[in-house]
Protein backbone atom coordinates (compact mmCIF):
# COMPACT_ATOMS: atom_id res chain seq x y z
CA UNK A 1 0.00 0.00 0.00
CA UNK A 2 1.47 3.37 -0.95
CA UNK A 3 2.29 6.05 1.61
CA UNK A 4 -0.28 8.43 0.12
CA UNK A 5 -3.01 5.84 0.51
CA UNK A 6 -1.96 5.09 4.10
CA UNK A 7 -1.92 8.80 4.93
CA UNK A 8 -5.31 9.28 3.29
CA UNK A 9 -6.83 6.55 5.40
CA UNK A 10 -5.36 7.85 8.63
CA UNK A 11 -6.21 11.45 7.74
CA UNK A 12 -9.07 12.28 10.03
CA UNK A 13 -10.94 9.04 9.60
CA UNK A 14 -12.56 9.73 12.95
CA UNK A 15 -14.19 12.95 11.78
CA UNK A 16 -14.90 11.48 8.38
CA UNK A 17 -17.17 8.76 9.71
CA UNK A 18 -18.78 10.65 12.59
CA UNK A 19 -22.26 12.02 11.97
CA UNK A 20 -23.43 15.46 13.02
CA UNK A 21 -25.70 13.84 15.61
CA UNK A 22 -22.75 12.09 17.24
CA UNK A 23 -20.75 15.33 17.30
CA UNK A 24 -23.69 17.10 18.92
CA UNK A 25 -24.00 14.35 21.53
CA UNK A 26 -20.30 14.56 22.46
CA UNK A 27 -20.44 18.35 22.67
CA UNK A 28 -23.57 18.10 24.81
CA UNK A 29 -21.68 15.79 27.19
CA UNK A 30 -18.84 18.33 27.40
CA UNK A 31 -21.38 21.00 28.34
CA UNK A 32 -22.95 18.73 30.98
CA UNK A 33 -19.54 18.05 32.53
CA UNK A 34 -18.79 21.76 32.58
CA UNK A 35 -15.85 21.44 30.20
CA UNK A 36 -17.52 23.67 27.60
CA UNK A 37 -19.74 26.71 27.98
CA UNK A 38 -23.23 26.26 26.52
CA UNK A 39 -22.75 29.42 24.46
CA UNK A 40 -19.75 27.83 22.73
CA UNK A 41 -21.39 24.49 21.94
CA UNK A 42 -23.05 25.44 18.63
CA UNK A 43 -19.87 27.02 17.30
CA UNK A 44 -17.86 23.93 18.25
CA UNK A 45 -20.39 21.60 16.60
CA UNK A 46 -20.32 23.73 13.45
CA UNK A 47 -16.50 23.75 13.37
CA UNK A 48 -16.27 19.99 13.91
CA UNK A 49 -18.90 19.24 11.26
CA UNK A 50 -17.17 21.57 8.80
CA UNK A 51 -13.83 19.93 9.56
CA UNK A 52 -15.41 16.51 9.02
CA UNK A 53 -16.71 17.60 5.62
CA UNK A 54 -13.27 18.92 4.68
CA UNK A 55 -11.65 15.69 5.84
CA UNK A 56 -14.21 13.67 3.90
CA UNK A 57 -13.44 15.66 0.75
CA UNK A 58 -9.68 15.27 1.21
CA UNK A 59 -10.07 11.55 1.88
CA UNK A 60 -12.25 11.10 -1.21
CA UNK A 61 -9.76 13.00 -3.38
CA UNK A 62 -6.80 11.02 -2.06
CA UNK A 63 -8.58 7.72 -2.68
CA UNK A 64 -9.61 8.79 -6.18
CA UNK A 65 -6.04 9.82 -7.01
CA UNK A 66 -4.69 6.52 -5.76
CA UNK A 67 -7.26 4.52 -7.70
CA UNK A 68 -6.41 6.46 -10.86
CA UNK A 69 -2.71 5.71 -10.36
CA UNK A 70 -3.40 2.02 -9.89
CA UNK A 71 -5.65 1.85 -12.96
CA UNK A 72 -3.11 3.74 -15.03
CA UNK A 73 -0.36 1.42 -13.82
CA UNK A 74 -2.46 -1.54 -14.92
CA UNK A 75 -3.03 0.08 -18.35
CA UNK A 76 -6.80 0.10 -17.86
CA UNK A 77 -8.35 2.65 -20.21
CA UNK A 78 -10.22 5.59 -18.78
CA UNK A 79 -13.92 6.06 -19.49
CA UNK A 80 -13.09 8.97 -21.81
CA UNK A 81 -10.77 6.75 -23.84
CA UNK A 82 -13.50 4.15 -24.24
CA UNK A 83 -16.04 6.79 -25.27
CA UNK A 84 -13.63 8.14 -27.88
CA UNK A 85 -13.08 4.65 -29.29
CA UNK A 86 -16.83 4.05 -29.41
CA UNK A 87 -17.29 7.24 -31.42
CA UNK A 88 -14.62 6.11 -33.87
CA UNK A 89 -16.30 2.71 -34.21
CA UNK A 90 -19.66 4.38 -34.86
CA UNK A 91 -18.15 6.53 -37.63
CA UNK A 92 -16.45 3.54 -39.22
CA UNK A 93 -19.66 1.46 -39.08
CA UNK A 94 -21.56 4.25 -40.86
CA UNK A 95 -18.88 4.49 -43.51
CA UNK A 96 -18.89 0.73 -44.07
CA UNK A 97 -22.69 0.74 -44.32
CA UNK A 98 -22.56 3.58 -46.84
CA UNK A 99 -19.92 1.81 -48.93
CA UNK A 100 -21.88 -1.44 -48.85
CA UNK A 101 -25.00 0.43 -49.95
CA UNK A 102 -23.15 2.04 -52.86
CA UNK A 103 -21.62 -1.29 -53.94
CA UNK A 104 -25.00 -3.03 -53.88
CA UNK A 105 -26.55 -0.22 -55.93
CA UNK A 106 -23.79 -0.57 -58.56
CA UNK A 107 -24.12 -4.35 -58.53
CA UNK A 108 -20.52 -4.90 -57.54
CA UNK A 109 -18.79 -6.28 -54.52
CA UNK A 110 -16.57 -3.93 -52.49
CA UNK A 111 -12.94 -4.39 -53.25
CA UNK A 112 -11.10 -6.23 -50.50
CA UNK A 113 -7.60 -5.06 -49.71
CA UNK A 114 -4.97 -7.29 -48.24
CA UNK A 115 -2.41 -4.93 -46.76
C-alpha atoms as a PDB file:
ATOM      1  CA  UNK A   1       0.000   0.000   0.000  1.00  0.00           C
ATOM      2  CA  UNK A   2       1.469   3.374  -0.955  1.00  0.00           C
ATOM      3  CA  UNK A   3       2.292   6.050   1.608  1.00  0.00           C
ATOM      4  CA  UNK A   4      -0.282   8.434   0.121  1.00  0.00           C
ATOM      5  CA  UNK A   5      -3.007   5.838   0.507  1.00  0.00           C
ATOM      6  CA  UNK A   6      -1.964   5.093   4.100  1.00  0.00           C
ATOM      7  CA  UNK A   7      -1.919   8.805   4.926  1.00  0.00           C
ATOM      8  CA  UNK A   8      -5.310   9.284   3.291  1.00  0.00           C
ATOM      9  CA  UNK A   9      -6.827   6.547   5.396  1.00  0.00           C
ATOM     10  CA  UNK A  10      -5.358   7.851   8.628  1.00  0.00           C
ATOM     11  CA  UNK A  11      -6.213  11.453   7.741  1.00  0.00           C
ATOM     12  CA  UNK A  12      -9.067  12.283  10.029  1.00  0.00           C
ATOM     13  CA  UNK A  13     -10.941   9.040   9.603  1.00  0.00           C
ATOM     14  CA  UNK A  14     -12.563   9.727  12.945  1.00  0.00           C
ATOM     15  CA  UNK A  15     -14.195  12.948  11.776  1.00  0.00           C
ATOM     16  CA  UNK A  16     -14.899  11.480   8.378  1.00  0.00           C
ATOM     17  CA  UNK A  17     -17.171   8.763   9.708  1.00  0.00           C
ATOM     18  CA  UNK A  18     -18.779  10.650  12.592  1.00  0.00           C
ATOM     19  CA  UNK A  19     -22.258  12.022  11.970  1.00  0.00           C
ATOM     20  CA  UNK A  20     -23.435  15.457  13.024  1.00  0.00           C
ATOM     21  CA  UNK A  21     -25.702  13.836  15.608  1.00  0.00           C
ATOM     22  CA  UNK A  22     -22.748  12.091  17.244  1.00  0.00           C
ATOM     23  CA  UNK A  23     -20.754  15.325  17.303  1.00  0.00           C
ATOM     24  CA  UNK A  24     -23.693  17.103  18.925  1.00  0.00           C
ATOM     25  CA  UNK A  25     -23.998  14.348  21.530  1.00  0.00           C
ATOM     26  CA  UNK A  26     -20.297  14.559  22.456  1.00  0.00           C
ATOM     27  CA  UNK A  27     -20.438  18.354  22.668  1.00  0.00           C
ATOM     28  CA  UNK A  28     -23.570  18.101  24.814  1.00  0.00           C
ATOM     29  CA  UNK A  29     -21.684  15.788  27.193  1.00  0.00           C
ATOM     30  CA  UNK A  30     -18.839  18.335  27.398  1.00  0.00           C
ATOM     31  CA  UNK A  31     -21.379  21.004  28.339  1.00  0.00           C
ATOM     32  CA  UNK A  32     -22.954  18.726  30.980  1.00  0.00           C
ATOM     33  CA  UNK A  33     -19.542  18.050  32.529  1.00  0.00           C
ATOM     34  CA  UNK A  34     -18.788  21.761  32.583  1.00  0.00           C
ATOM     35  CA  UNK A  35     -15.853  21.445  30.196  1.00  0.00           C
ATOM     36  CA  UNK A  36     -17.524  23.674  27.604  1.00  0.00           C
ATOM     37  CA  UNK A  37     -19.742  26.715  27.975  1.00  0.00           C
ATOM     38  CA  UNK A  38     -23.231  26.261  26.516  1.00  0.00           C
ATOM     39  CA  UNK A  39     -22.751  29.416  24.458  1.00  0.00           C
ATOM     40  CA  UNK A  40     -19.745  27.829  22.734  1.00  0.00           C
ATOM     41  CA  UNK A  41     -21.385  24.494  21.937  1.00  0.00           C
ATOM     42  CA  UNK A  42     -23.051  25.438  18.634  1.00  0.00           C
ATOM     43  CA  UNK A  43     -19.867  27.024  17.300  1.00  0.00           C
ATOM     44  CA  UNK A  44     -17.863  23.929  18.251  1.00  0.00           C
ATOM     45  CA  UNK A  45     -20.391  21.601  16.598  1.00  0.00           C
ATOM     46  CA  UNK A  46     -20.320  23.733  13.445  1.00  0.00           C
ATOM     47  CA  UNK A  47     -16.500  23.750  13.372  1.00  0.00           C
ATOM     48  CA  UNK A  48     -16.269  19.992  13.906  1.00  0.00           C
ATOM     49  CA  UNK A  49     -18.896  19.236  11.257  1.00  0.00           C
ATOM     50  CA  UNK A  50     -17.168  21.571   8.801  1.00  0.00           C
ATOM     51  CA  UNK A  51     -13.832  19.935   9.562  1.00  0.00           C
ATOM     52  CA  UNK A  52     -15.409  16.512   9.022  1.00  0.00           C
ATOM     53  CA  UNK A  53     -16.711  17.600   5.624  1.00  0.00           C
ATOM     54  CA  UNK A  54     -13.266  18.924   4.683  1.00  0.00           C
ATOM     55  CA  UNK A  55     -11.647  15.691   5.840  1.00  0.00           C
ATOM     56  CA  UNK A  56     -14.210  13.666   3.904  1.00  0.00           C
ATOM     57  CA  UNK A  57     -13.441  15.659   0.753  1.00  0.00           C
ATOM     58  CA  UNK A  58      -9.682  15.266   1.215  1.00  0.00           C
ATOM     59  CA  UNK A  59     -10.075  11.549   1.883  1.00  0.00           C
ATOM     60  CA  UNK A  60     -12.246  11.104  -1.206  1.00  0.00           C
ATOM     61  CA  UNK A  61      -9.762  13.003  -3.379  1.00  0.00           C
ATOM     62  CA  UNK A  62      -6.802  11.024  -2.059  1.00  0.00           C
ATOM     63  CA  UNK A  63      -8.580   7.718  -2.683  1.00  0.00           C
ATOM     64  CA  UNK A  64      -9.606   8.787  -6.184  1.00  0.00           C
ATOM     65  CA  UNK A  65      -6.043   9.824  -7.014  1.00  0.00           C
ATOM     66  CA  UNK A  66      -4.687   6.524  -5.757  1.00  0.00           C
ATOM     67  CA  UNK A  67      -7.265   4.520  -7.699  1.00  0.00           C
ATOM     68  CA  UNK A  68      -6.414   6.460 -10.863  1.00  0.00           C
ATOM     69  CA  UNK A  69      -2.707   5.714 -10.364  1.00  0.00           C
ATOM     70  CA  UNK A  70      -3.403   2.019  -9.888  1.00  0.00           C
ATOM     71  CA  UNK A  71      -5.649   1.852 -12.957  1.00  0.00           C
ATOM     72  CA  UNK A  72      -3.106   3.741 -15.034  1.00  0.00           C
ATOM     73  CA  UNK A  73      -0.357   1.419 -13.821  1.00  0.00           C
ATOM     74  CA  UNK A  74      -2.460  -1.540 -14.919  1.00  0.00           C
ATOM     75  CA  UNK A  75      -3.034   0.081 -18.348  1.00  0.00           C
ATOM     76  CA  UNK A  76      -6.798   0.096 -17.860  1.00  0.00           C
ATOM     77  CA  UNK A  77      -8.345   2.648 -20.206  1.00  0.00           C
ATOM     78  CA  UNK A  78     -10.220   5.590 -18.781  1.00  0.00           C
ATOM     79  CA  UNK A  79     -13.924   6.062 -19.489  1.00  0.00           C
ATOM     80  CA  UNK A  80     -13.092   8.967 -21.811  1.00  0.00           C
ATOM     81  CA  UNK A  81     -10.767   6.753 -23.839  1.00  0.00           C
ATOM     82  CA  UNK A  82     -13.503   4.148 -24.241  1.00  0.00           C
ATOM     83  CA  UNK A  83     -16.043   6.794 -25.272  1.00  0.00           C
ATOM     84  CA  UNK A  84     -13.625   8.136 -27.879  1.00  0.00           C
ATOM     85  CA  UNK A  85     -13.079   4.650 -29.288  1.00  0.00           C
ATOM     86  CA  UNK A  86     -16.834   4.049 -29.406  1.00  0.00           C
ATOM     87  CA  UNK A  87     -17.288   7.242 -31.425  1.00  0.00           C
ATOM     88  CA  UNK A  88     -14.617   6.115 -33.874  1.00  0.00           C
ATOM     89  CA  UNK A  89     -16.296   2.710 -34.207  1.00  0.00           C
ATOM     90  CA  UNK A  90     -19.662   4.379 -34.861  1.00  0.00           C
ATOM     91  CA  UNK A  91     -18.153   6.533 -37.626  1.00  0.00           C
ATOM     92  CA  UNK A  92     -16.453   3.536 -39.220  1.00  0.00           C
ATOM     93  CA  UNK A  93     -19.656   1.460 -39.075  1.00  0.00           C
ATOM     94  CA  UNK A  94     -21.563   4.249 -40.857  1.00  0.00           C
ATOM     95  CA  UNK A  95     -18.879   4.494 -43.513  1.00  0.00           C
ATOM     96  CA  UNK A  96     -18.887   0.726 -44.070  1.00  0.00           C
ATOM     97  CA  UNK A  97     -22.691   0.739 -44.320  1.00  0.00           C
ATOM     98  CA  UNK A  98     -22.557   3.585 -46.843  1.00  0.00           C
ATOM     99  CA  UNK A  99     -19.917   1.808 -48.929  1.00  0.00           C
ATOM    100  CA  UNK A 100     -21.877  -1.435 -48.849  1.00  0.00           C
ATOM    101  CA  UNK A 101     -24.999   0.432 -49.953  1.00  0.00           C
ATOM    102  CA  UNK A 102     -23.150   2.041 -52.857  1.00  0.00           C
ATOM    103  CA  UNK A 103     -21.622  -1.292 -53.935  1.00  0.00           C
ATOM    104  CA  UNK A 104     -25.004  -3.026 -53.885  1.00  0.00           C
ATOM    105  CA  UNK A 105     -26.552  -0.220 -55.933  1.00  0.00           C
ATOM    106  CA  UNK A 106     -23.790  -0.567 -58.558  1.00  0.00           C
ATOM    107  CA  UNK A 107     -24.118  -4.350 -58.526  1.00  0.00           C
ATOM    108  CA  UNK A 108     -20.524  -4.898 -57.541  1.00  0.00           C
ATOM    109  CA  UNK A 109     -18.788  -6.282 -54.520  1.00  0.00           C
ATOM    110  CA  UNK A 110     -16.575  -3.931 -52.492  1.00  0.00           C
ATOM    111  CA  UNK A 111     -12.942  -4.393 -53.251  1.00  0.00           C
ATOM    112  CA  UNK A 112     -11.104  -6.230 -50.495  1.00  0.00           C
ATOM    113  CA  UNK A 113      -7.605  -5.062 -49.712  1.00  0.00           C
ATOM    114  CA  UNK A 114      -4.966  -7.287 -48.236  1.00  0.00           C
ATOM    115  CA  UNK A 115      -2.411  -4.926 -46.760  1.00  0.00           C
END
